[in-house]
């Protein structure tokens, strides 16, 4: 089970999360702001109120939250996609 020990709100609806296992990364939350309960995050001052919750994930006072396991998997998945895209660009550049 993953545990987030620190969250720092950044500009443009991003957060920096630090995990207990000596791992940290920036996460873009913007793709998850899609109506309903997540609409409150459009207010930048409300977005900046993000905190580590009792379940070692991140949350806001309206109940919108992210599980630490989901965030770690999401980060890893995006890194793999980014690396694959970089490799594709490098292959094109080499030709």
N, C-alpha and C. Protein backbone atom coordinates (compact mmCIF):
# COMPACT_ATOMS: atom_id res chain seq x y z
N UNK A 1 0.84 -1.18 0.00
CA UNK A 1 0.00 0.00 0.00
C UNK A 1 0.88 1.24 0.00
N UNK A 2 0.58 2.16 -0.89
CA UNK A 2 1.32 3.41 -0.98
C UNK A 2 0.83 4.38 0.10
N UNK A 3 1.69 5.31 0.47
CA UNK A 3 1.33 6.36 1.43
C UNK A 3 1.93 7.67 0.97
N UNK A 4 1.10 8.67 0.87
CA UNK A 4 1.59 10.01 0.55
C UNK A 4 1.84 10.72 1.88
N UNK A 5 3.01 11.34 1.99
CA UNK A 5 3.35 12.02 3.23
C UNK A 5 3.35 13.54 3.10
N UNK A 6 3.31 14.03 1.85
CA UNK A 6 3.29 15.47 1.65
C UNK A 6 2.65 15.79 0.30
N UNK A 7 1.89 16.86 0.25
CA UNK A 7 1.33 17.35 -1.01
C UNK A 7 1.52 18.86 -1.05
N UNK A 8 1.97 19.34 -2.19
CA UNK A 8 2.20 20.77 -2.38
C UNK A 8 1.44 21.20 -3.63
N UNK A 9 0.49 22.13 -3.48
CA UNK A 9 -0.21 22.62 -4.67
C UNK A 9 0.72 23.48 -5.52
N UNK A 10 0.63 23.31 -6.82
CA UNK A 10 1.44 24.06 -7.77
C UNK A 10 0.51 24.85 -8.70
N UNK A 11 1.08 25.60 -9.60
CA UNK A 11 0.28 26.34 -10.57
C UNK A 11 -0.35 25.39 -11.59
N UNK A 12 -1.35 25.90 -12.28
CA UNK A 12 -2.02 25.21 -13.39
C UNK A 12 -2.61 23.86 -12.98
N UNK A 13 -3.19 23.80 -11.79
CA UNK A 13 -3.90 22.61 -11.28
C UNK A 13 -3.01 21.36 -11.18
N UNK A 14 -1.79 21.59 -10.78
CA UNK A 14 -0.87 20.48 -10.53
C UNK A 14 -0.53 20.42 -9.05
N UNK A 15 -0.16 19.24 -8.60
CA UNK A 15 0.32 19.06 -7.23
C UNK A 15 1.61 18.26 -7.27
N UNK A 16 2.45 18.50 -6.30
CA UNK A 16 3.63 17.66 -6.12
C UNK A 16 3.32 16.76 -4.93
N UNK A 17 3.43 15.46 -5.15
CA UNK A 17 3.18 14.50 -4.07
C UNK A 17 4.48 13.78 -3.73
N UNK A 18 4.66 13.61 -2.42
CA UNK A 18 5.83 12.87 -1.93
C UNK A 18 5.30 11.63 -1.23
N UNK A 19 5.79 10.48 -1.67
CA UNK A 19 5.38 9.21 -1.11
C UNK A 19 6.36 8.78 -0.02
N UNK A 20 5.90 7.93 0.88
CA UNK A 20 6.73 7.45 1.99
C UNK A 20 7.93 6.66 1.50
N UNK A 21 7.84 6.06 0.34
CA UNK A 21 8.92 5.21 -0.18
C UNK A 21 9.94 6.00 -0.99
N UNK A 22 10.21 7.24 -0.54
CA UNK A 22 11.25 8.07 -1.15
C UNK A 22 11.03 8.28 -2.65
N UNK A 23 9.81 8.61 -3.00
CA UNK A 23 9.43 8.87 -4.38
C UNK A 23 8.55 10.10 -4.41
N UNK A 24 8.79 11.00 -5.35
CA UNK A 24 7.92 12.16 -5.48
C UNK A 24 7.73 12.47 -6.97
N UNK A 25 6.63 13.15 -7.26
CA UNK A 25 6.32 13.49 -8.64
C UNK A 25 5.28 14.58 -8.68
N UNK A 26 5.21 15.26 -9.82
CA UNK A 26 4.15 16.22 -10.07
C UNK A 26 3.00 15.50 -10.77
N UNK A 27 1.78 15.87 -10.40
CA UNK A 27 0.59 15.27 -11.00
C UNK A 27 -0.32 16.39 -11.49
N UNK A 28 -0.74 16.28 -12.73
CA UNK A 28 -1.68 17.23 -13.30
C UNK A 28 -3.10 16.76 -12.95
N UNK A 29 -3.79 17.53 -12.15
CA UNK A 29 -5.14 17.18 -11.71
C UNK A 29 -6.20 17.66 -12.70
N UNK A 30 -5.83 18.57 -13.58
CA UNK A 30 -6.79 19.17 -14.52
C UNK A 30 -7.64 18.14 -15.28
N UNK A 31 -7.08 17.02 -15.75
CA UNK A 31 -7.92 16.06 -16.48
C UNK A 31 -9.03 15.44 -15.63
N UNK A 32 -8.93 15.56 -14.32
CA UNK A 32 -9.93 14.96 -13.43
C UNK A 32 -11.01 15.96 -13.00
N UNK A 33 -10.87 17.21 -13.41
CA UNK A 33 -11.87 18.23 -13.08
C UNK A 33 -12.89 18.24 -14.22
N UNK A 34 -13.96 17.43 -14.01
CA UNK A 34 -14.90 17.19 -15.11
C UNK A 34 -16.36 17.33 -14.69
N UNK A 35 -16.62 18.18 -13.75
CA UNK A 35 -18.00 18.37 -13.32
C UNK A 35 -18.28 17.70 -12.00
N UNK A 36 -19.48 17.92 -11.50
CA UNK A 36 -19.87 17.35 -10.21
C UNK A 36 -19.01 17.87 -9.08
N UNK A 37 -18.64 16.99 -8.20
CA UNK A 37 -17.87 17.36 -7.01
C UNK A 37 -16.51 17.99 -7.37
N UNK A 38 -15.95 17.60 -8.51
CA UNK A 38 -14.64 18.12 -8.89
C UNK A 38 -14.68 19.58 -9.34
N UNK A 39 -15.86 20.10 -9.69
CA UNK A 39 -15.96 21.49 -10.16
C UNK A 39 -15.42 22.50 -9.15
N UNK A 40 -15.51 22.19 -7.87
CA UNK A 40 -15.02 23.12 -6.84
C UNK A 40 -13.52 23.39 -7.00
N UNK A 41 -12.79 22.45 -7.59
CA UNK A 41 -11.35 22.61 -7.76
C UNK A 41 -10.99 23.67 -8.78
N UNK A 42 -11.95 24.12 -9.58
CA UNK A 42 -11.70 25.19 -10.55
C UNK A 42 -11.36 26.50 -9.83
N UNK A 43 -11.86 26.64 -8.62
CA UNK A 43 -11.52 27.80 -7.79
C UNK A 43 -10.09 27.59 -7.28
N UNK A 44 -9.19 28.42 -7.75
CA UNK A 44 -7.77 28.20 -7.45
C UNK A 44 -7.45 28.23 -5.96
N UNK A 45 -8.13 29.08 -5.20
CA UNK A 45 -7.86 29.11 -3.77
C UNK A 45 -8.35 27.81 -3.11
N UNK A 46 -9.47 27.29 -3.58
CA UNK A 46 -9.95 26.01 -3.06
C UNK A 46 -8.99 24.89 -3.47
N UNK A 47 -8.54 24.91 -4.71
CA UNK A 47 -7.59 23.89 -5.18
C UNK A 47 -6.35 23.85 -4.29
N UNK A 48 -5.88 25.02 -3.90
CA UNK A 48 -4.66 25.11 -3.09
C UNK A 48 -4.86 24.60 -1.66
N UNK A 49 -6.09 24.29 -1.29
CA UNK A 49 -6.35 23.77 0.06
C UNK A 49 -6.16 22.25 0.16
N UNK A 50 -5.60 21.64 -0.85
CA UNK A 50 -5.37 20.20 -0.86
C UNK A 50 -4.54 19.79 0.36
N UNK A 51 -4.81 18.60 0.86
CA UNK A 51 -4.08 18.11 2.03
C UNK A 51 -3.93 16.59 1.94
N UNK A 52 -3.01 16.06 2.73
CA UNK A 52 -2.90 14.61 2.90
C UNK A 52 -3.99 14.21 3.87
N UNK A 53 -4.77 13.20 3.51
CA UNK A 53 -5.90 12.84 4.35
C UNK A 53 -5.57 11.67 5.29
N UNK A 54 -6.54 11.24 6.05
CA UNK A 54 -6.35 10.16 7.03
C UNK A 54 -6.05 8.80 6.40
N UNK A 55 -6.28 8.70 5.09
CA UNK A 55 -6.04 7.44 4.38
C UNK A 55 -4.76 7.48 3.56
N UNK A 56 -3.92 8.51 3.82
CA UNK A 56 -2.63 8.70 3.15
C UNK A 56 -2.74 9.00 1.67
N UNK A 57 -3.90 9.49 1.26
CA UNK A 57 -4.10 9.99 -0.09
C UNK A 57 -4.16 11.51 -0.01
N UNK A 58 -4.68 12.13 -1.06
CA UNK A 58 -4.87 13.57 -1.03
C UNK A 58 -6.35 13.89 -1.18
N UNK A 59 -6.77 14.99 -0.55
CA UNK A 59 -8.19 15.33 -0.61
C UNK A 59 -8.41 16.82 -0.39
N UNK A 60 -9.64 17.21 -0.68
CA UNK A 60 -10.10 18.57 -0.46
C UNK A 60 -11.28 18.49 0.49
N UNK A 61 -11.66 19.61 1.09
CA UNK A 61 -12.71 19.63 2.10
C UNK A 61 -14.09 19.23 1.58
N UNK A 62 -14.31 19.26 0.29
CA UNK A 62 -15.61 18.85 -0.25
C UNK A 62 -15.72 17.34 -0.45
N UNK A 63 -14.66 16.60 -0.13
CA UNK A 63 -14.69 15.14 -0.25
C UNK A 63 -14.03 14.60 -1.50
N UNK A 64 -13.63 15.46 -2.43
CA UNK A 64 -12.94 14.99 -3.63
C UNK A 64 -11.56 14.51 -3.21
N UNK A 65 -11.20 13.29 -3.63
CA UNK A 65 -9.94 12.73 -3.16
C UNK A 65 -9.32 11.78 -4.18
N UNK A 66 -8.07 11.46 -3.93
CA UNK A 66 -7.32 10.49 -4.72
C UNK A 66 -6.65 9.49 -3.78
N UNK A 67 -6.81 8.23 -4.09
CA UNK A 67 -6.15 7.14 -3.37
C UNK A 67 -4.66 7.17 -3.71
N UNK A 68 -3.79 6.93 -2.73
CA UNK A 68 -2.35 6.95 -3.02
C UNK A 68 -1.93 5.88 -4.02
N UNK A 69 -2.57 4.72 -3.98
CA UNK A 69 -2.23 3.66 -4.94
C UNK A 69 -2.58 4.08 -6.36
N UNK A 70 -3.76 4.70 -6.52
CA UNK A 70 -4.15 5.18 -7.84
C UNK A 70 -3.16 6.21 -8.36
N UNK A 71 -2.79 7.17 -7.51
CA UNK A 71 -1.86 8.21 -7.96
C UNK A 71 -0.52 7.63 -8.37
N UNK A 72 0.00 6.69 -7.61
CA UNK A 72 1.30 6.09 -7.97
C UNK A 72 1.19 5.37 -9.31
N UNK A 73 0.12 4.60 -9.52
CA UNK A 73 -0.07 3.90 -10.79
C UNK A 73 -0.25 4.89 -11.94
N UNK A 74 -0.99 5.96 -11.69
CA UNK A 74 -1.21 6.99 -12.71
C UNK A 74 0.11 7.65 -13.11
N UNK A 75 0.92 7.97 -12.13
CA UNK A 75 2.23 8.58 -12.39
C UNK A 75 3.11 7.64 -13.21
N UNK A 76 3.18 6.39 -12.79
CA UNK A 76 4.01 5.41 -13.50
C UNK A 76 3.52 5.20 -14.93
N UNK A 77 2.22 5.13 -15.11
CA UNK A 77 1.64 4.94 -16.44
C UNK A 77 1.98 6.12 -17.35
N UNK A 78 1.86 7.33 -16.82
CA UNK A 78 2.20 8.51 -17.62
C UNK A 78 3.67 8.58 -17.95
N UNK A 79 4.51 8.12 -17.06
CA UNK A 79 5.96 8.11 -17.33
C UNK A 79 6.28 7.13 -18.46
N UNK A 80 5.64 5.98 -18.43
CA UNK A 80 5.86 4.99 -19.50
C UNK A 80 5.42 5.54 -20.84
N UNK A 81 4.25 6.20 -20.87
CA UNK A 81 3.76 6.80 -22.12
C UNK A 81 4.72 7.87 -22.60
N UNK A 82 5.19 8.70 -21.68
CA UNK A 82 6.10 9.78 -22.04
C UNK A 82 7.41 9.23 -22.59
N UNK A 83 7.93 8.20 -21.95
CA UNK A 83 9.17 7.57 -22.43
C UNK A 83 8.98 6.95 -23.80
N UNK A 84 7.84 6.31 -24.03
CA UNK A 84 7.56 5.71 -25.33
C UNK A 84 7.47 6.79 -26.41
N UNK A 85 6.82 7.91 -26.10
CA UNK A 85 6.71 9.02 -27.05
C UNK A 85 8.08 9.61 -27.33
N UNK A 86 8.92 9.75 -26.31
CA UNK A 86 10.28 10.27 -26.50
C UNK A 86 11.07 9.35 -27.41
N UNK A 87 10.93 8.05 -27.22
CA UNK A 87 11.63 7.09 -28.07
C UNK A 87 11.16 7.18 -29.51
N UNK A 88 9.87 7.36 -29.72
CA UNK A 88 9.33 7.51 -31.07
C UNK A 88 9.88 8.77 -31.73
N UNK A 89 9.95 9.86 -30.98
CA UNK A 89 10.49 11.11 -31.52
C UNK A 89 11.95 10.94 -31.88
N UNK A 90 12.70 10.26 -31.01
CA UNK A 90 14.12 10.04 -31.29
C UNK A 90 14.32 9.17 -32.53
N UNK A 91 13.47 8.18 -32.75
CA UNK A 91 13.57 7.32 -33.94
C UNK A 91 13.33 8.15 -35.20
N UNK A 92 12.35 9.03 -35.15
CA UNK A 92 12.06 9.89 -36.31
C UNK A 92 13.23 10.83 -36.55
N UNK A 93 13.78 11.40 -35.50
CA UNK A 93 14.90 12.34 -35.62
C UNK A 93 16.14 11.66 -36.17
N UNK A 94 16.31 10.38 -35.84
CA UNK A 94 17.50 9.64 -36.31
C UNK A 94 17.42 9.30 -37.79
N UNK A 95 16.22 9.26 -38.33
CA UNK A 95 16.06 8.86 -39.74
C UNK A 95 16.27 9.99 -40.69
